Amino acid sequence: MVPHRTSFTRDARALPFARGSDQYAEMSKITIYTTIFCPYCVMAKQLLKRKGVTFEEIDVTGKPALRQEMAAKAGGRSTVPQIWIGRTHVGGCDDLYALDRTGQLDRMLAD
């Protein structure tokens, strides 16, 4: 069975880190592992959508092998969401929002 994957896109010119540019911002690939009934997953995806970025969603609901793969990549963390920006493991929803509060998230997305 193929994992559920969802992508969202928006015009990068509307992003705060793309100010003054008519070019699309080149953004790092974002991957988020989620489950269907996870409110933190919903919150993390909402923040990414507000930022106008494209992300790949991998639903691990009822897929122990996929969840084990996620945990191995996340240094043993098996809770969802688990989020990567490029090759950097951000962590979960709280970690993503903490990066946003400090302004680091916009910088990471722009790299």
C-alpha atoms as a PDB file:
ATOM      1  CA  MET A   1       0.000   0.000   0.000  1.00  0.00           C
ATOM      2  CA  VAL A   2       1.294   3.460  -0.909  1.00  0.00           C
ATOM      3  CA  PRO A   3       1.501   5.952   2.006  1.00  0.00           C
ATOM      4  CA  HIS A   4      -1.003   8.805   1.919  1.00  0.00           C
ATOM      5  CA  ARG A   5       0.764  11.934   0.738  1.00  0.00           C
ATOM      6  CA  THR A   6      -0.713  15.405   0.372  1.00  0.00           C
ATOM      7  CA  SER A   7       0.874  18.569  -0.981  1.00  0.00           C
ATOM      8  CA  PHE A   8      -0.236  22.169  -0.758  1.00  0.00           C
ATOM      9  CA  THR A   9       1.165  25.042  -2.793  1.00  0.00           C
ATOM     10  CA  ARG A  10       0.832  28.804  -2.834  1.00  0.00           C
ATOM     11  CA  ASP A  11       2.531  31.669  -4.559  1.00  0.00           C
ATOM     12  CA  ALA A  12       5.820  32.295  -2.732  1.00  0.00           C
ATOM     13  CA  ARG A  13       5.631  36.042  -3.515  1.00  0.00           C
ATOM     14  CA  ALA A  14       3.109  36.382  -0.683  1.00  0.00           C
ATOM     15  CA  LEU A  15       5.599  35.042   1.849  1.00  0.00           C
ATOM     16  CA  PRO A  16       7.312  37.416   4.283  1.00  0.00           C
ATOM     17  CA  PHE A  17      10.757  36.068   3.416  1.00  0.00           C
ATOM     18  CA  ALA A  18      10.188  36.645  -0.317  1.00  0.00           C
ATOM     19  CA  ARG A  19       9.692  40.412   0.018  1.00  0.00           C
ATOM     20  CA  GLY A  20      10.660  42.519  -2.937  1.00  0.00           C
ATOM     21  CA  SER A  21      10.995  39.557  -5.255  1.00  0.00           C
ATOM     22  CA  ASP A  22       8.941  38.693  -8.303  1.00  0.00           C
ATOM     23  CA  GLN A  23      10.625  35.306  -8.428  1.00  0.00           C
ATOM     24  CA  TYR A  24       9.271  32.276  -6.636  1.00  0.00           C
ATOM     25  CA  ALA A  25      11.232  31.602  -3.493  1.00  0.00           C
ATOM     26  CA  GLU A  26      13.208  28.380  -3.600  1.00  0.00           C
ATOM     27  CA  MET A  27      12.199  26.592  -0.430  1.00  0.00           C
ATOM     28  CA  SER A  28      13.503  23.536   1.351  1.00  0.00           C
ATOM     29  CA  LYS A  29      11.443  20.375   1.055  1.00  0.00           C
ATOM     30  CA  ILE A  30       9.140  19.965   4.047  1.00  0.00           C
ATOM     31  CA  THR A  31       7.970  16.552   5.223  1.00  0.00           C
ATOM     32  CA  ILE A  32       5.439  16.027   7.995  1.00  0.00           C
ATOM     33  CA  TYR A  33       4.447  12.644   9.395  1.00  0.00           C
ATOM     34  CA  THR A  34       0.878  12.681  10.733  1.00  0.00           C
ATOM     35  CA  THR A  35      -2.086  10.590  11.839  1.00  0.00           C
ATOM     36  CA  ILE A  36      -5.748  11.154  11.083  1.00  0.00           C
ATOM     37  CA  PHE A  37      -6.957  12.038  14.594  1.00  0.00           C
ATOM     38  CA  CYS A  38      -4.047  14.190  15.756  1.00  0.00           C
ATOM     39  CA  PRO A  39      -4.921  17.788  16.720  1.00  0.00           C
ATOM     40  CA  TYR A  40      -1.221  18.730  16.866  1.00  0.00           C
ATOM     41  CA  CYS A  41      -0.803  17.511  13.290  1.00  0.00           C
ATOM     42  CA  VAL A  42      -3.689  19.742  12.230  1.00  0.00           C
ATOM     43  CA  MET A  43      -2.139  22.737  14.016  1.00  0.00           C
ATOM     44  CA  ALA A  44       1.281  22.145  12.439  1.00  0.00           C
ATOM     45  CA  LYS A  45      -0.226  21.815   8.960  1.00  0.00           C
ATOM     46  CA  GLN A  46      -2.263  24.993   9.503  1.00  0.00           C
ATOM     47  CA  LEU A  47       0.894  26.943  10.353  1.00  0.00           C
ATOM     48  CA  LEU A  48       2.677  25.631   7.273  1.00  0.00           C
ATOM     49  CA  LYS A  49      -0.338  26.503   5.105  1.00  0.00           C
ATOM     50  CA  ARG A  50      -0.404  30.037   6.570  1.00  0.00           C
ATOM     51  CA  LYS A  51       3.263  30.329   5.624  1.00  0.00           C
ATOM     52  CA  GLY A  52       2.248  29.381   2.083  1.00  0.00           C
ATOM     53  CA  VAL A  53       4.708  26.523   1.756  1.00  0.00           C
ATOM     54  CA  THR A  54       4.446  23.195  -0.004  1.00  0.00           C
ATOM     55  CA  PHE A  55       4.803  20.132   2.170  1.00  0.00           C
ATOM     56  CA  GLU A  56       4.630  16.395   1.850  1.00  0.00           C
ATOM     57  CA  GLU A  57       2.319  14.741   4.380  1.00  0.00           C
ATOM     58  CA  ILE A  58       2.896  11.106   5.235  1.00  0.00           C
ATOM     59  CA  ASP A  59      -0.010   9.563   7.139  1.00  0.00           C
ATOM     60  CA  VAL A  60       1.221   6.798   9.468  1.00  0.00           C
ATOM     61  CA  THR A  61      -2.240   5.894  10.803  1.00  0.00           C
ATOM     62  CA  GLY A  62      -2.409   2.094  11.116  1.00  0.00           C
ATOM     63  CA  LYS A  63       0.956   1.680   9.371  1.00  0.00           C
ATOM     64  CA  PRO A  64       3.432   0.379  11.972  1.00  0.00           C
ATOM     65  CA  ALA A  65       6.277  -0.077   9.485  1.00  0.00           C
ATOM     66  CA  LEU A  66       5.961   3.511   8.274  1.00  0.00           C
ATOM     67  CA  ARG A  67       5.719   4.784  11.844  1.00  0.00           C
ATOM     68  CA  GLN A  68       8.845   2.793  12.752  1.00  0.00           C
ATOM     69  CA  GLU A  69      10.654   4.362   9.780  1.00  0.00           C
ATOM     70  CA  MET A  70       9.584   7.800  11.041  1.00  0.00           C
ATOM     71  CA  ALA A  71      10.802   7.042  14.577  1.00  0.00           C
ATOM     72  CA  ALA A  72      14.157   5.824  13.274  1.00  0.00           C
ATOM     73  CA  LYS A  73      14.627   9.055  11.312  1.00  0.00           C
ATOM     74  CA  ALA A  74      13.480  11.109  14.336  1.00  0.00           C
ATOM     75  CA  GLY A  75      16.010   9.648  16.754  1.00  0.00           C
ATOM     76  CA  GLY A  76      13.437   7.424  18.450  1.00  0.00           C
ATOM     77  CA  ARG A  77      10.607   9.961  18.712  1.00  0.00           C
ATOM     78  CA  SER A  78       7.434   8.094  17.816  1.00  0.00           C
ATOM     79  CA  THR A  79       4.829  10.804  18.448  1.00  0.00           C
ATOM     80  CA  VAL A  80       3.228  12.770  15.646  1.00  0.00           C
ATOM     81  CA  PRO A  81       3.654  15.107  14.031  1.00  0.00           C
ATOM     82  CA  GLN A  82       7.322  14.767  13.187  1.00  0.00           C
ATOM     83  CA  ILE A  83       8.509  17.505  10.855  1.00  0.00           C
ATOM     84  CA  TRP A  84      11.586  17.948   8.656  1.00  0.00           C
ATOM     85  CA  ILE A  85      12.621  21.041   6.769  1.00  0.00           C
ATOM     86  CA  GLY A  86      15.162  19.897   4.254  1.00  0.00           C
ATOM     87  CA  ARG A  87      17.447  17.514   6.143  1.00  0.00           C
ATOM     88  CA  THR A  88      16.814  19.228   9.477  1.00  0.00           C
ATOM     89  CA  HIS A  89      14.543  17.434  11.916  1.00  0.00           C
ATOM     90  CA  VAL A  90      12.431  20.181  13.467  1.00  0.00           C
ATOM     91  CA  GLY A  91      10.571  17.892  15.863  1.00  0.00           C
ATOM     92  CA  GLY A  92       6.871  18.193  16.665  1.00  0.00           C
ATOM     93  CA  CYS A  93       4.195  20.844  16.624  1.00  0.00           C
ATOM     94  CA  ASP A  94       5.480  22.691  19.705  1.00  0.00           C
ATOM     95  CA  ASP A  95       8.959  22.817  18.178  1.00  0.00           C
ATOM     96  CA  LEU A  96       7.576  24.210  14.909  1.00  0.00           C
ATOM     97  CA  TYR A  97       5.623  26.950  16.704  1.00  0.00           C
ATOM     98  CA  ALA A  98       8.669  27.804  18.848  1.00  0.00           C
ATOM     99  CA  LEU A  99      10.727  28.316  15.682  1.00  0.00           C
ATOM    100  CA  ASP A 100       7.974  30.541  14.313  1.00  0.00           C
ATOM    101  CA  ARG A 101       7.856  32.687  17.467  1.00  0.00           C
ATOM    102  CA  THR A 102      11.606  33.366  17.245  1.00  0.00           C
ATOM    103  CA  GLY A 103      11.581  34.066  13.496  1.00  0.00           C
ATOM    104  CA  GLN A 104      13.784  31.073  12.761  1.00  0.00           C
ATOM    105  CA  LEU A 105      11.069  29.232  10.852  1.00  0.00           C
ATOM    106  CA  ASP A 106      10.943  31.843   8.091  1.00  0.00           C
ATOM    107  CA  ARG A 107      14.728  31.669   7.729  1.00  0.00           C
ATOM    108  CA  MET A 108      14.656  27.872   7.542  1.00  0.00           C
ATOM    109  CA  LEU A 109      11.898  27.937   4.945  1.00  0.00           C
ATOM    110  CA  ALA A 110      13.830  30.423   2.819  1.00  0.00           C
ATOM    111  CA  ASP A 111      17.008  28.302   2.725  1.00  0.00           C
END
